Every structure is written in structure tokens, then in C-alpha cells.
All heavy atoms as atom14 arrays in JSON, in Angstrom:
{
  "sequence": "ISRDNAKNVNLQMNDLKPEDTAVYLCYAVRLGRHVYWGQGTQ",
  "atom14_mask": [
    [1, 1, 1, 1, 1, 1, 1, 1, 0, 0, 0, 0, 0, 0],
    [1, 1, 1, 1, 1, 1, 0, 0, 0, 0, 0, 0, 0, 0],
    [1, 1, 1, 1, 1, 1, 1, 1, 1, 1, 1, 0, 0, 0],
    [1, 1, 1, 1, 1, 1, 1, 1, 0, 0, 0, 0, 0, 0],
    [1, 1, 1, 1, 1, 1, 1, 1, 0, 0, 0, 0, 0, 0],
    [1, 1, 1, 1, 1, 0, 0, 0, 0, 0, 0, 0, 0, 0],
    [1, 1, 1, 1, 1, 1, 1, 1, 1, 0, 0, 0, 0, 0],
    [1, 1, 1, 1, 1, 1, 1, 1, 0, 0, 0, 0, 0, 0],
    [1, 1, 1, 1, 1, 1, 1, 0, 0, 0, 0, 0, 0, 0],
    [1, 1, 1, 1, 1, 1, 1, 1, 0, 0, 0, 0, 0, 0],
    [1, 1, 1, 1, 1, 1, 1, 1, 0, 0, 0, 0, 0, 0],
    [1, 1, 1, 1, 1, 1, 1, 1, 1, 0, 0, 0, 0, 0],
    [1, 1, 1, 1, 1, 1, 1, 1, 0, 0, 0, 0, 0, 0],
    [1, 1, 1, 1, 1, 1, 1, 1, 0, 0, 0, 0, 0, 0],
    [1, 1, 1, 1, 1, 1, 1, 1, 0, 0, 0, 0, 0, 0],
    [1, 1, 1, 1, 1, 1, 1, 1, 0, 0, 0, 0, 0, 0],
    [1, 1, 1, 1, 1, 1, 1, 1, 1, 0, 0, 0, 0, 0],
    [1, 1, 1, 1, 1, 1, 1, 0, 0, 0, 0, 0, 0, 0],
    [1, 1, 1, 1, 1, 1, 1, 1, 1, 0, 0, 0, 0, 0],
    [1, 1, 1, 1, 1, 1, 1, 1, 0, 0, 0, 0, 0, 0],
    [1, 1, 1, 1, 1, 1, 1, 0, 0, 0, 0, 0, 0, 0],
    [1, 1, 1, 1, 1, 0, 0, 0, 0, 0, 0, 0, 0, 0],
    [1, 1, 1, 1, 1, 1, 1, 0, 0, 0, 0, 0, 0, 0],
    [1, 1, 1, 1, 1, 1, 1, 1, 1, 1, 1, 1, 0, 0],
    [1, 1, 1, 1, 1, 1, 1, 1, 0, 0, 0, 0, 0, 0],
    [1, 1, 1, 1, 1, 1, 0, 0, 0, 0, 0, 0, 0, 0],
    [1, 1, 1, 1, 1, 1, 1, 1, 1, 1, 1, 1, 0, 0],
    [1, 1, 1, 1, 1, 0, 0, 0, 0, 0, 0, 0, 0, 0],
    [1, 1, 1, 1, 1, 1, 1, 0, 0, 0, 0, 0, 0, 0],
    [1, 1, 1, 1, 1, 1, 1, 1, 1, 1, 1, 0, 0, 0],
    [1, 1, 1, 1, 1, 1, 1, 1, 0, 0, 0, 0, 0, 0],
    [1, 1, 1, 1, 0, 0, 0, 0, 0, 0, 0, 0, 0, 0],
    [1, 1, 1, 1, 1, 1, 1, 1, 1, 1, 1, 0, 0, 0],
    [1, 1, 1, 1, 1, 1, 1, 1, 1, 1, 0, 0, 0, 0],
    [1, 1, 1, 1, 1, 1, 1, 0, 0, 0, 0, 0, 0, 0],
    [1, 1, 1, 1, 1, 1, 1, 1, 1, 1, 1, 1, 0, 0],
    [1, 1, 1, 1, 1, 1, 1, 1, 1, 1, 1, 1, 1, 1],
    [1, 1, 1, 1, 0, 0, 0, 0, 0, 0, 0, 0, 0, 0],
    [1, 1, 1, 1, 1, 1, 1, 1, 1, 0, 0, 0, 0, 0],
    [1, 1, 1, 1, 0, 0, 0, 0, 0, 0, 0, 0, 0, 0],
    [1, 1, 1, 1, 1, 1, 1, 0, 0, 0, 0, 0, 0, 0],
    [1, 1, 1, 1, 1, 1, 1, 1, 1, 0, 0, 0, 0, 0]
  ],
  "atom14_positions": [
    [[85.06, 85.13, 85.8], [86.35, 84.42, 85.88], [86.07, 82.94, 86.1], [85.1, 82.57, 86.79], [87.23, 85.01, 87.0], [88.64, 84.44, 86.91], [86.62, 84.77, 88.37], [89.64, 85.15, 87.8], [0.0, 0.0, 0.0], [0.0, 0.0, 0.0], [0.0, 0.0, 0.0], [0.0, 0.0, 0.0], [0.0, 0.0, 0.0], [0.0, 0.0, 0.0]],
    [[86.89, 82.1, 85.53], [86.74, 80.67, 85.71], [88.11, 80.0, 85.62], [89.06, 80.55, 85.05], [85.8, 80.07, 84.67], [86.31, 80.21, 83.34], [0.0, 0.0, 0.0], [0.0, 0.0, 0.0], [0.0, 0.0, 0.0], [0.0, 0.0, 0.0], [0.0, 0.0, 0.0], [0.0, 0.0, 0.0], [0.0, 0.0, 0.0], [0.0, 0.0, 0.0]],
    [[88.2, 78.84, 86.2], [89.39, 78.01, 86.11], [89.0, 76.59, 85.78], [88.08, 76.04, 86.37], [90.19, 78.05, 87.43], [90.77, 79.42, 87.75], [91.59, 79.41, 89.01], [92.79, 78.59, 88.85], [93.69, 78.38, 89.81], [93.5, 78.95, 91.01], [94.74, 77.63, 89.57], [0.0, 0.0, 0.0], [0.0, 0.0, 0.0], [0.0, 0.0, 0.0]],
    [[89.69, 76.01, 84.82], [89.44, 74.64, 84.43], [90.33, 73.66, 85.17], [89.96, 72.48, 85.32], [89.68, 74.48, 82.93], [88.83, 75.41, 82.1], [87.59, 75.39, 82.29], [89.37, 76.16, 81.28], [0.0, 0.0, 0.0], [0.0, 0.0, 0.0], [0.0, 0.0, 0.0], [0.0, 0.0, 0.0], [0.0, 0.0, 0.0], [0.0, 0.0, 0.0]],
    [[91.47, 74.13, 85.62], [92.41, 73.27, 86.33], [93.34, 74.14, 87.15], [93.14, 75.36, 87.26], [93.18, 72.36, 85.36], [93.85, 73.15, 84.24], [94.63, 74.06, 84.5], [93.55, 72.79, 83.01], [0.0, 0.0, 0.0], [0.0, 0.0, 0.0], [0.0, 0.0, 0.0], [0.0, 0.0, 0.0], [0.0, 0.0, 0.0], [0.0, 0.0, 0.0]],
    [[94.37, 73.54, 87.7], [95.28, 74.23, 88.6], [96.3, 75.09, 87.88], [97.12, 75.76, 88.54], [96.01, 73.23, 89.5], [0.0, 0.0, 0.0], [0.0, 0.0, 0.0], [0.0, 0.0, 0.0], [0.0, 0.0, 0.0], [0.0, 0.0, 0.0], [0.0, 0.0, 0.0], [0.0, 0.0, 0.0], [0.0, 0.0, 0.0], [0.0, 0.0, 0.0]],
    [[96.29, 75.11, 86.56], [97.31, 75.8, 85.77], [96.76, 76.83, 84.81], [97.51, 77.38, 84.01], [98.16, 74.79, 85.0], [98.97, 73.87, 85.88], [99.65, 72.77, 85.07], [100.69, 73.34, 84.11], [101.82, 73.98, 84.83], [0.0, 0.0, 0.0], [0.0, 0.0, 0.0], [0.0, 0.0, 0.0], [0.0, 0.0, 0.0], [0.0, 0.0, 0.0]],
    [[95.44, 77.09, 84.84], [94.89, 78.03, 83.9], [93.83, 78.91, 84.54], [93.33, 78.63, 85.64], [94.33, 77.31, 82.67], [92.86, 76.95, 82.81], [92.43, 76.42, 83.82], [92.07, 77.26, 81.78], [0.0, 0.0, 0.0], [0.0, 0.0, 0.0], [0.0, 0.0, 0.0], [0.0, 0.0, 0.0], [0.0, 0.0, 0.0], [0.0, 0.0, 0.0]],
    [[93.49, 79.98, 83.84], [92.41, 80.87, 84.25], [91.85, 81.54, 83.0], [92.59, 81.83, 82.04], [92.89, 81.91, 85.27], [93.96, 82.83, 84.66], [91.75, 82.73, 85.83], [0.0, 0.0, 0.0], [0.0, 0.0, 0.0], [0.0, 0.0, 0.0], [0.0, 0.0, 0.0], [0.0, 0.0, 0.0], [0.0, 0.0, 0.0], [0.0, 0.0, 0.0]],
    [[90.55, 81.77, 83.01], [89.87, 82.43, 81.91], [89.11, 83.66, 82.42], [88.78, 83.76, 83.6], [88.84, 81.49, 81.26], [89.45, 80.16, 80.86], [90.39, 80.1, 80.07], [88.93, 79.08, 81.44], [0.0, 0.0, 0.0], [0.0, 0.0, 0.0], [0.0, 0.0, 0.0], [0.0, 0.0, 0.0], [0.0, 0.0, 0.0], [0.0, 0.0, 0.0]],
    [[88.86, 84.57, 81.51], [88.05, 85.74, 81.83], [87.11, 86.0, 80.68], [87.55, 86.46, 79.6], [88.93, 86.96, 82.11], [88.18, 88.19, 82.62], [87.69, 87.96, 84.05], [89.09, 89.42, 82.59], [0.0, 0.0, 0.0], [0.0, 0.0, 0.0], [0.0, 0.0, 0.0], [0.0, 0.0, 0.0], [0.0, 0.0, 0.0], [0.0, 0.0, 0.0]],
    [[85.83, 85.69, 80.88], [84.82, 86.01, 79.89], [84.36, 87.43, 80.11], [83.85, 87.77, 81.18], [83.63, 85.04, 80.01], [82.49, 85.32, 79.04], [82.88, 85.09, 77.59], [83.5, 84.09, 77.27], [82.53, 86.04, 76.72], [0.0, 0.0, 0.0], [0.0, 0.0, 0.0], [0.0, 0.0, 0.0], [0.0, 0.0, 0.0], [0.0, 0.0, 0.0]],
    [[84.52, 88.27, 79.12], [84.2, 89.7, 79.23], [83.06, 90.01, 78.28], [83.19, 89.88, 77.06], [85.41, 90.55, 78.9], [86.65, 90.23, 79.75], [88.01, 91.36, 79.47], [88.4, 90.97, 77.77], [0.0, 0.0, 0.0], [0.0, 0.0, 0.0], [0.0, 0.0, 0.0], [0.0, 0.0, 0.0], [0.0, 0.0, 0.0], [0.0, 0.0, 0.0]],
    [[81.93, 90.42, 78.84], [80.74, 90.77, 78.08], [80.42, 92.24, 78.28], [80.84, 92.87, 79.27], [79.56, 89.92, 78.49], [79.76, 88.44, 78.23], [80.39, 88.05, 77.26], [79.21, 87.61, 79.11], [0.0, 0.0, 0.0], [0.0, 0.0, 0.0], [0.0, 0.0, 0.0], [0.0, 0.0, 0.0], [0.0, 0.0, 0.0], [0.0, 0.0, 0.0]],
    [[79.63, 92.79, 77.37], [79.21, 94.19, 77.44], [80.41, 95.11, 77.67], [80.4, 95.95, 78.57], [78.17, 94.36, 78.53], [77.48, 95.71, 78.46], [77.42, 96.32, 77.38], [76.99, 96.18, 79.53], [0.0, 0.0, 0.0], [0.0, 0.0, 0.0], [0.0, 0.0, 0.0], [0.0, 0.0, 0.0], [0.0, 0.0, 0.0], [0.0, 0.0, 0.0]],
    [[81.41, 94.93, 76.86], [82.64, 95.71, 77.03], [82.41, 97.2, 76.78], [81.64, 97.59, 75.9], [83.73, 95.18, 76.11], [84.38, 93.88, 76.59], [85.07, 93.16, 75.45], [85.37, 94.19, 77.71], [0.0, 0.0, 0.0], [0.0, 0.0, 0.0], [0.0, 0.0, 0.0], [0.0, 0.0, 0.0], [0.0, 0.0, 0.0], [0.0, 0.0, 0.0]],
    [[83.11, 98.0, 77.54], [82.99, 99.44, 77.49], [84.35, 100.05, 77.17], [85.38, 99.44, 77.46], [82.46, 99.98, 78.82], [81.15, 99.37, 79.24], [80.68, 99.91, 80.58], [79.41, 99.21, 81.02], [78.29, 99.43, 80.08], [0.0, 0.0, 0.0], [0.0, 0.0, 0.0], [0.0, 0.0, 0.0], [0.0, 0.0, 0.0], [0.0, 0.0, 0.0]],
    [[84.38, 101.25, 76.6], [85.68, 101.87, 76.3], [86.6, 101.96, 77.51], [87.82, 101.83, 77.35], [85.28, 103.26, 75.81], [83.93, 103.06, 75.19], [83.25, 102.04, 76.06], [0.0, 0.0, 0.0], [0.0, 0.0, 0.0], [0.0, 0.0, 0.0], [0.0, 0.0, 0.0], [0.0, 0.0, 0.0], [0.0, 0.0, 0.0], [0.0, 0.0, 0.0]],
    [[86.04, 102.15, 78.69], [86.87, 102.24, 79.88], [87.49, 100.91, 80.29], [88.32, 100.86, 81.2], [86.08, 102.82, 81.06], [84.75, 102.15, 81.31], [83.58, 102.88, 80.67], [83.71, 103.31, 79.5], [82.53, 103.01, 81.33], [0.0, 0.0, 0.0], [0.0, 0.0, 0.0], [0.0, 0.0, 0.0], [0.0, 0.0, 0.0], [0.0, 0.0, 0.0]],
    [[87.1, 99.8, 79.63], [87.75, 98.53, 79.85], [89.05, 98.39, 79.07], [89.78, 97.41, 79.27], [86.81, 97.37, 79.46], [85.58, 97.28, 80.32], [85.69, 97.44, 81.56], [84.49, 97.07, 79.76], [0.0, 0.0, 0.0], [0.0, 0.0, 0.0], [0.0, 0.0, 0.0], [0.0, 0.0, 0.0], [0.0, 0.0, 0.0], [0.0, 0.0, 0.0]],
    [[89.32, 99.34, 78.18], [90.54, 99.28, 77.39], [91.77, 99.31, 78.28], [91.94, 100.19, 79.11], [90.59, 100.46, 76.4], [89.5, 100.35, 75.47], [91.89, 100.48, 75.64], [0.0, 0.0, 0.0], [0.0, 0.0, 0.0], [0.0, 0.0, 0.0], [0.0, 0.0, 0.0], [0.0, 0.0, 0.0], [0.0, 0.0, 0.0], [0.0, 0.0, 0.0]],
    [[92.63, 98.31, 78.11], [93.82, 98.17, 78.93], [94.62, 96.97, 78.47], [94.15, 96.17, 77.67], [93.44, 98.0, 80.4], [0.0, 0.0, 0.0], [0.0, 0.0, 0.0], [0.0, 0.0, 0.0], [0.0, 0.0, 0.0], [0.0, 0.0, 0.0], [0.0, 0.0, 0.0], [0.0, 0.0, 0.0], [0.0, 0.0, 0.0], [0.0, 0.0, 0.0]],
    [[95.83, 96.87, 78.99], [96.57, 95.63, 78.9], [96.13, 94.76, 80.07], [96.17, 95.18, 81.22], [98.08, 95.86, 78.95], [98.83, 94.52, 79.04], [98.53, 96.65, 77.73], [0.0, 0.0, 0.0], [0.0, 0.0, 0.0], [0.0, 0.0, 0.0], [0.0, 0.0, 0.0], [0.0, 0.0, 0.0], [0.0, 0.0, 0.0], [0.0, 0.0, 0.0]],
    [[95.71, 93.55, 79.77], [95.25, 92.6, 80.78], [96.38, 91.63, 81.05], [96.9, 90.98, 80.14], [93.98, 91.89, 80.31], [92.76, 92.76, 80.43], [92.57, 93.85, 79.58], [91.79, 92.53, 81.41], [91.47, 94.67, 79.7], [90.68, 93.34, 81.54], [90.53, 94.43, 80.68], [89.42, 95.24, 80.79], [0.0, 0.0, 0.0], [0.0, 0.0, 0.0]],
    [[96.72, 91.52, 82.33], [97.85, 90.74, 82.77], [97.39, 89.56, 83.61], [96.73, 89.74, 84.63], [98.82, 91.59, 83.59], [99.47, 92.76, 82.84], [99.79, 93.87, 83.8], [100.73, 92.27, 82.13], [0.0, 0.0, 0.0], [0.0, 0.0, 0.0], [0.0, 0.0, 0.0], [0.0, 0.0, 0.0], [0.0, 0.0, 0.0], [0.0, 0.0, 0.0]],
    [[97.75, 88.38, 83.19], [97.49, 87.2, 83.98], [98.53, 87.09, 85.09], [99.7, 87.42, 84.9], [97.56, 85.97, 83.08], [97.37, 84.37, 83.92], [0.0, 0.0, 0.0], [0.0, 0.0, 0.0], [0.0, 0.0, 0.0], [0.0, 0.0, 0.0], [0.0, 0.0, 0.0], [0.0, 0.0, 0.0], [0.0, 0.0, 0.0], [0.0, 0.0, 0.0]],
    [[98.09, 86.63, 86.26], [99.04, 86.35, 87.33], [98.66, 85.08, 88.06], [97.5, 84.66, 88.04], [99.19, 87.54, 88.28], [98.13, 87.63, 89.35], [98.41, 87.25, 90.66], [96.86, 88.11, 89.08], [97.45, 87.35, 91.66], [95.9, 88.21, 90.05], [96.19, 87.82, 91.35], [95.24, 87.94, 92.34], [0.0, 0.0, 0.0], [0.0, 0.0, 0.0]],
    [[99.64, 84.5, 88.72], [99.44, 83.26, 89.45], [100.28, 83.27, 90.7], [101.37, 83.85, 90.73], [99.8, 82.06, 88.58], [0.0, 0.0, 0.0], [0.0, 0.0, 0.0], [0.0, 0.0, 0.0], [0.0, 0.0, 0.0], [0.0, 0.0, 0.0], [0.0, 0.0, 0.0], [0.0, 0.0, 0.0], [0.0, 0.0, 0.0], [0.0, 0.0, 0.0]],
    [[99.77, 82.62, 91.72], [100.46, 82.54, 93.03], [100.61, 81.09, 93.4], [99.65, 80.33, 93.35], [99.68, 83.3, 94.12], [100.46, 83.23, 95.43], [99.4, 84.74, 93.71], [0.0, 0.0, 0.0], [0.0, 0.0, 0.0], [0.0, 0.0, 0.0], [0.0, 0.0, 0.0], [0.0, 0.0, 0.0], [0.0, 0.0, 0.0], [0.0, 0.0, 0.0]],
    [[101.83, 80.73, 93.79], [102.11, 79.37, 94.23], [102.63, 79.4, 95.65], [103.48, 80.23, 95.98], [103.14, 78.71, 93.3], [103.35, 77.22, 93.56], [104.29, 76.62, 92.56], [105.68, 76.99, 92.8], [106.51, 76.32, 93.56], [106.11, 75.21, 94.19], [107.76, 76.74, 93.71], [0.0, 0.0, 0.0], [0.0, 0.0, 0.0], [0.0, 0.0, 0.0]],
    [[102.1, 78.51, 96.47], [102.53, 78.36, 97.87], [102.37, 79.65, 98.66], [103.06, 79.87, 99.65], [103.97, 77.85, 97.95], [104.26, 76.53, 97.25], [105.72, 76.17, 97.37], [103.38, 75.41, 97.85], [0.0, 0.0, 0.0], [0.0, 0.0, 0.0], [0.0, 0.0, 0.0], [0.0, 0.0, 0.0], [0.0, 0.0, 0.0], [0.0, 0.0, 0.0]],
    [[101.47, 80.51, 98.22], [101.15, 81.7, 98.95], [102.17, 82.8, 98.91], [101.94, 83.87, 99.51], [0.0, 0.0, 0.0], [0.0, 0.0, 0.0], [0.0, 0.0, 0.0], [0.0, 0.0, 0.0], [0.0, 0.0, 0.0], [0.0, 0.0, 0.0], [0.0, 0.0, 0.0], [0.0, 0.0, 0.0], [0.0, 0.0, 0.0], [0.0, 0.0, 0.0]],
    [[103.28, 82.6, 98.21], [104.34, 83.6, 98.23], [105.08, 83.79, 96.92], [105.78, 84.8, 96.77], [105.35, 83.28, 99.32], [106.09, 81.98, 99.15], [106.93, 81.69, 100.39], [107.65, 80.42, 100.28], [108.92, 80.32, 99.89], [109.61, 81.41, 99.58], [109.51, 79.14, 99.83], [0.0, 0.0, 0.0], [0.0, 0.0, 0.0], [0.0, 0.0, 0.0]],
    [[104.94, 82.87, 95.99], [105.62, 83.0, 94.7], [104.62, 83.54, 93.69], [103.61, 82.9, 93.39], [106.16, 81.68, 94.22], [107.18, 81.06, 95.15], [108.44, 81.61, 95.29], [107.11, 79.99, 95.96], [109.12, 80.87, 96.17], [108.33, 79.89, 96.59], [0.0, 0.0, 0.0], [0.0, 0.0, 0.0], [0.0, 0.0, 0.0], [0.0, 0.0, 0.0]],
    [[104.88, 84.73, 93.15], [103.98, 85.41, 92.24], [104.61, 85.47, 90.85], [105.76, 85.87, 90.69], [103.65, 86.82, 92.71], [102.64, 87.49, 91.78], [103.09, 86.78, 94.14], [0.0, 0.0, 0.0], [0.0, 0.0, 0.0], [0.0, 0.0, 0.0], [0.0, 0.0, 0.0], [0.0, 0.0, 0.0], [0.0, 0.0, 0.0], [0.0, 0.0, 0.0]],
    [[103.82, 85.1, 89.86], [104.27, 85.08, 88.47], [103.31, 85.9, 87.62], [102.12, 85.99, 87.9], [104.3, 83.65, 87.94], [105.07, 82.69, 88.83], [104.42, 81.95, 89.8], [106.44, 82.54, 88.67], [105.12, 81.08, 90.62], [107.16, 81.66, 89.49], [106.49, 80.93, 90.47], [107.2, 80.07, 91.28], [0.0, 0.0, 0.0], [0.0, 0.0, 0.0]],
    [[103.86, 86.5, 86.57], [103.09, 87.37, 85.69], [103.24, 86.97, 84.24], [104.33, 86.6, 83.79], [103.54, 88.83, 85.84], [103.27, 89.4, 87.17], [104.09, 89.42, 88.25], [102.07, 90.08, 87.58], [103.48, 90.05, 89.33], [102.25, 90.47, 88.92], [100.87, 90.39, 86.93], [101.27, 91.16, 89.64], [99.9, 91.07, 87.65], [100.1, 91.44, 88.98]],
    [[102.16, 87.09, 83.49], [102.23, 86.99, 82.05], [102.69, 88.31, 81.44], [102.82, 89.31, 82.14], [0.0, 0.0, 0.0], [0.0, 0.0, 0.0], [0.0, 0.0, 0.0], [0.0, 0.0, 0.0], [0.0, 0.0, 0.0], [0.0, 0.0, 0.0], [0.0, 0.0, 0.0], [0.0, 0.0, 0.0], [0.0, 0.0, 0.0], [0.0, 0.0, 0.0]],
    [[102.93, 88.29, 80.15], [103.4, 89.52, 79.48], [102.27, 90.49, 79.17], [102.54, 91.67, 78.9], [104.15, 89.17, 78.2], [103.27, 88.58, 77.12], [104.03, 88.33, 75.81], [105.16, 88.82, 75.65], [103.44, 87.58, 74.92], [0.0, 0.0, 0.0], [0.0, 0.0, 0.0], [0.0, 0.0, 0.0], [0.0, 0.0, 0.0], [0.0, 0.0, 0.0]],
    [[101.04, 90.04, 79.2], [99.9, 90.9, 78.96], [99.32, 90.75, 77.57], [100.02, 90.44, 76.62], [0.0, 0.0, 0.0], [0.0, 0.0, 0.0], [0.0, 0.0, 0.0], [0.0, 0.0, 0.0], [0.0, 0.0, 0.0], [0.0, 0.0, 0.0], [0.0, 0.0, 0.0], [0.0, 0.0, 0.0], [0.0, 0.0, 0.0], [0.0, 0.0, 0.0]],
    [[98.03, 90.98, 77.49], [97.33, 90.97, 76.2], [96.47, 92.23, 76.11], [95.78, 92.61, 77.06], [96.48, 89.68, 76.02], [95.91, 89.68, 74.72], [95.38, 89.58, 77.07], [0.0, 0.0, 0.0], [0.0, 0.0, 0.0], [0.0, 0.0, 0.0], [0.0, 0.0, 0.0], [0.0, 0.0, 0.0], [0.0, 0.0, 0.0], [0.0, 0.0, 0.0]],
    [[96.52, 92.9, 74.97], [95.82, 94.17, 74.8], [94.36, 93.95, 74.5], [93.98, 93.16, 73.62], [96.46, 94.97, 73.65], [95.76, 96.31, 73.37], [95.99, 97.32, 74.45], [97.13, 97.49, 74.93], [94.94, 97.99, 74.87], [0.0, 0.0, 0.0], [0.0, 0.0, 0.0], [0.0, 0.0, 0.0], [0.0, 0.0, 0.0], [0.0, 0.0, 0.0]]
  ]
}
């Protein structure tokens, strides 16, 4: 996992396995209490 700035996040996934199959959902927290979710990527 890496972040380039305060508004993004990346996930480099190597050696992927069938059990990694899923919808991956980005989330973010602001001020320790506001939680936001992306729609997901398959």
C-alpha cells in the first residue's frame, strides 16, 4: 500500500492468487470519524 498525497491511495498487488478474487473497496477517514467508501473495483 502507498499514498502519494492526502487524497489518494494505491495498492500494488503481486503474485495474485485465486483467493484474492473479490471486489476491492477504497475507503477514507477524515477527522477520525467521517468514513467514505468507493463503489468498488472487481
